[in-house]
């Protein structure tokens, strides 16, 4: 149809080259992982990070401790993006490993606190 996006140069070629499902895209995007501990509230917040991450938490979560915290593995796109995603969980996530994600998260939290006089 005239005026439709598929009539625009480059769009048709792009659409023809796009192969795979959103799930395949997610699987190829999340190349890193972090072992974390999540509080019960943290587990409730995990869907904010997307269904792929939520499913990984369900699949890898261990038995809750006395306070309801579980150890699990979260997929991360990259260390930098992963830190931003982890910050969405606030005090309801504790990074166990890898050390570089733990370090970057601590640095990001310290930087955020500077805005509040700490």
C-alpha atoms as a PDB file:
ATOM      1  CA  UNK A   1       0.000   0.000   0.000  1.00  0.00           C
ATOM      2  CA  UNK A   2       1.321   3.448  -0.794  1.00  0.00           C
ATOM      3  CA  UNK A   3       2.444   5.343   2.275  1.00  0.00           C
ATOM      4  CA  UNK A   4       2.783   2.221   4.409  1.00  0.00           C
ATOM      5  CA  UNK A   5       6.098   1.605   6.163  1.00  0.00           C
ATOM      6  CA  UNK A   6       6.850  -1.421   3.963  1.00  0.00           C
ATOM      7  CA  UNK A   7       6.925   0.910   0.940  1.00  0.00           C
ATOM      8  CA  UNK A   8       9.751   2.927   2.446  1.00  0.00           C
ATOM      9  CA  UNK A   9      13.289   2.128   1.284  1.00  0.00           C
ATOM     10  CA  UNK A  10      15.104  -0.158   3.697  1.00  0.00           C
ATOM     11  CA  UNK A  11      12.023  -1.208   5.687  1.00  0.00           C
ATOM     12  CA  UNK A  12      11.238  -4.241   3.547  1.00  0.00           C
ATOM     13  CA  UNK A  13      14.838  -5.419   3.692  1.00  0.00           C
ATOM     14  CA  UNK A  14      14.878  -4.921   7.458  1.00  0.00           C
ATOM     15  CA  UNK A  15      11.659  -6.911   7.922  1.00  0.00           C
ATOM     16  CA  UNK A  16      12.947  -9.724   5.707  1.00  0.00           C
ATOM     17  CA  UNK A  17      16.180  -9.919   7.714  1.00  0.00           C
ATOM     18  CA  UNK A  18      14.486  -9.970  11.112  1.00  0.00           C
ATOM     19  CA  UNK A  19      14.412 -13.601  12.074  1.00  0.00           C
ATOM     20  CA  UNK A  20      13.349 -15.116  15.355  1.00  0.00           C
ATOM     21  CA  UNK A  21      10.954 -14.535  18.149  1.00  0.00           C
ATOM     22  CA  UNK A  22      11.100 -12.030  20.984  1.00  0.00           C
ATOM     23  CA  UNK A  23      12.177 -14.959  23.174  1.00  0.00           C
ATOM     24  CA  UNK A  24      15.165 -15.661  20.900  1.00  0.00           C
ATOM     25  CA  UNK A  25      16.071 -11.984  21.095  1.00  0.00           C
ATOM     26  CA  UNK A  26      15.966 -12.088  24.899  1.00  0.00           C
ATOM     27  CA  UNK A  27      18.062 -15.247  25.015  1.00  0.00           C
ATOM     28  CA  UNK A  28      20.705 -13.652  22.801  1.00  0.00           C
ATOM     29  CA  UNK A  29      20.644 -10.343  24.737  1.00  0.00           C
ATOM     30  CA  UNK A  30      21.110 -11.730  28.232  1.00  0.00           C
ATOM     31  CA  UNK A  31      24.710 -12.908  27.987  1.00  0.00           C
ATOM     32  CA  UNK A  32      25.664 -12.467  31.637  1.00  0.00           C
ATOM     33  CA  UNK A  33      24.265 -13.607  34.946  1.00  0.00           C
ATOM     34  CA  UNK A  34      24.446 -12.614  38.580  1.00  0.00           C
ATOM     35  CA  UNK A  35      23.829 -14.800  41.586  1.00  0.00           C
ATOM     36  CA  UNK A  36      21.669 -12.813  43.972  1.00  0.00           C
ATOM     37  CA  UNK A  37      19.594 -13.122  47.090  1.00  0.00           C
ATOM     38  CA  UNK A  38      16.064 -11.753  46.879  1.00  0.00           C
ATOM     39  CA  UNK A  39      13.736 -10.853  49.714  1.00  0.00           C
ATOM     40  CA  UNK A  40      10.068 -11.809  49.421  1.00  0.00           C
ATOM     41  CA  UNK A  41       9.357  -8.241  48.259  1.00  0.00           C
ATOM     42  CA  UNK A  42      12.254  -8.467  45.790  1.00  0.00           C
ATOM     43  CA  UNK A  43      10.735 -11.613  44.298  1.00  0.00           C
ATOM     44  CA  UNK A  44       7.439  -9.767  43.935  1.00  0.00           C
ATOM     45  CA  UNK A  45       9.260  -6.916  42.121  1.00  0.00           C
ATOM     46  CA  UNK A  46      11.144  -9.176  39.686  1.00  0.00           C
ATOM     47  CA  UNK A  47       8.413  -8.987  37.005  1.00  0.00           C
ATOM     48  CA  UNK A  48       9.432  -5.316  36.594  1.00  0.00           C
ATOM     49  CA  UNK A  49      12.579  -6.711  34.961  1.00  0.00           C
ATOM     50  CA  UNK A  50      10.609  -8.646  32.339  1.00  0.00           C
ATOM     51  CA  UNK A  51       9.179 -12.099  31.881  1.00  0.00           C
ATOM     52  CA  UNK A  52      12.483 -13.665  30.800  1.00  0.00           C
ATOM     53  CA  UNK A  53      14.133 -12.605  34.069  1.00  0.00           C
ATOM     54  CA  UNK A  54      11.086 -13.576  36.132  1.00  0.00           C
ATOM     55  CA  UNK A  55      11.105 -17.058  34.615  1.00  0.00           C
ATOM     56  CA  UNK A  56      14.823 -17.436  35.368  1.00  0.00           C
ATOM     57  CA  UNK A  57      14.197 -16.505  39.004  1.00  0.00           C
ATOM     58  CA  UNK A  58      11.435 -19.100  39.310  1.00  0.00           C
ATOM     59  CA  UNK A  59      13.618 -21.733  37.671  1.00  0.00           C
ATOM     60  CA  UNK A  60      16.756 -21.097  39.761  1.00  0.00           C
ATOM     61  CA  UNK A  61      15.378 -19.995  43.135  1.00  0.00           C
ATOM     62  CA  UNK A  62      16.452 -22.109  46.055  1.00  0.00           C
ATOM     63  CA  UNK A  63      14.499 -22.764  49.204  1.00  0.00           C
ATOM     64  CA  UNK A  64      13.681 -19.597  51.192  1.00  0.00           C
ATOM     65  CA  UNK A  65      15.614 -18.993  54.406  1.00  0.00           C
ATOM     66  CA  UNK A  66      13.882 -18.154  57.717  1.00  0.00           C
ATOM     67  CA  UNK A  67      13.263 -14.563  56.563  1.00  0.00           C
ATOM     68  CA  UNK A  68      12.004 -15.624  53.134  1.00  0.00           C
ATOM     69  CA  UNK A  69      15.103 -14.641  51.132  1.00  0.00           C
ATOM     70  CA  UNK A  70      16.039 -16.926  48.232  1.00  0.00           C
ATOM     71  CA  UNK A  71      19.239 -17.377  46.282  1.00  0.00           C
ATOM     72  CA  UNK A  72      18.797 -17.410  42.502  1.00  0.00           C
ATOM     73  CA  UNK A  73      20.455 -16.488  39.219  1.00  0.00           C
ATOM     74  CA  UNK A  74      19.379 -13.393  37.302  1.00  0.00           C
ATOM     75  CA  UNK A  75      20.180 -12.989  33.613  1.00  0.00           C
ATOM     76  CA  UNK A  76      21.827  -9.636  32.817  1.00  0.00           C
ATOM     77  CA  UNK A  77      22.329  -7.954  29.456  1.00  0.00           C
ATOM     78  CA  UNK A  78      25.588  -6.306  30.531  1.00  0.00           C
ATOM     79  CA  UNK A  79      27.194  -5.274  33.765  1.00  0.00           C
ATOM     80  CA  UNK A  80      26.211  -1.606  33.312  1.00  0.00           C
ATOM     81  CA  UNK A  81      22.621  -2.282  32.269  1.00  0.00           C
ATOM     82  CA  UNK A  82      22.371  -5.025  34.862  1.00  0.00           C
ATOM     83  CA  UNK A  83      23.290  -2.621  37.654  1.00  0.00           C
ATOM     84  CA  UNK A  84      20.490  -0.258  36.603  1.00  0.00           C
ATOM     85  CA  UNK A  85      18.057  -3.173  36.574  1.00  0.00           C
ATOM     86  CA  UNK A  86      19.249  -4.412  39.977  1.00  0.00           C
ATOM     87  CA  UNK A  87      18.812  -0.910  41.410  1.00  0.00           C
ATOM     88  CA  UNK A  88      15.102  -1.194  40.588  1.00  0.00           C
ATOM     89  CA  UNK A  89      14.902  -3.859  43.295  1.00  0.00           C
ATOM     90  CA  UNK A  90      16.422  -1.548  45.922  1.00  0.00           C
ATOM     91  CA  UNK A  91      17.287  -3.065  49.288  1.00  0.00           C
ATOM     92  CA  UNK A  92      15.437  -6.248  48.319  1.00  0.00           C
ATOM     93  CA  UNK A  93      18.377  -7.653  46.335  1.00  0.00           C
ATOM     94  CA  UNK A  94      21.888  -8.604  47.441  1.00  0.00           C
ATOM     95  CA  UNK A  95      24.440  -9.512  44.774  1.00  0.00           C
ATOM     96  CA  UNK A  96      26.463 -12.587  45.707  1.00  0.00           C
ATOM     97  CA  UNK A  97      28.510 -12.800  42.502  1.00  0.00           C
ATOM     98  CA  UNK A  98      30.184 -11.912  40.236  1.00  0.00           C
ATOM     99  CA  UNK A  99      32.361  -9.492  42.203  1.00  0.00           C
ATOM    100  CA  UNK A 100      32.402  -6.880  39.414  1.00  0.00           C
ATOM    101  CA  UNK A 101      28.599  -6.596  39.409  1.00  0.00           C
ATOM    102  CA  UNK A 102      28.609  -6.345  43.193  1.00  0.00           C
ATOM    103  CA  UNK A 103      31.299  -3.610  42.978  1.00  0.00           C
ATOM    104  CA  UNK A 104      29.480  -1.650  40.237  1.00  0.00           C
ATOM    105  CA  UNK A 105      26.195  -1.834  42.157  1.00  0.00           C
ATOM    106  CA  UNK A 106      27.862  -0.544  45.336  1.00  0.00           C
ATOM    107  CA  UNK A 107      29.444   2.338  43.370  1.00  0.00           C
ATOM    108  CA  UNK A 108      26.124   3.243  41.739  1.00  0.00           C
ATOM    109  CA  UNK A 109      24.371   3.250  45.109  1.00  0.00           C
ATOM    110  CA  UNK A 110      27.094   5.447  46.655  1.00  0.00           C
ATOM    111  CA  UNK A 111      26.744   7.869  43.721  1.00  0.00           C
ATOM    112  CA  UNK A 112      22.973   7.978  44.186  1.00  0.00           C
ATOM    113  CA  UNK A 113      23.352   8.729  47.890  1.00  0.00           C
ATOM    114  CA  UNK A 114      25.426  11.826  47.051  1.00  0.00           C
ATOM    115  CA  UNK A 115      22.199  13.474  45.914  1.00  0.00           C
ATOM    116  CA  UNK A 116      20.817  13.094  49.420  1.00  0.00           C
ATOM    117  CA  UNK A 117      23.697  14.482  51.459  1.00  0.00           C
ATOM    118  CA  UNK A 118      25.422  11.160  52.189  1.00  0.00           C
END
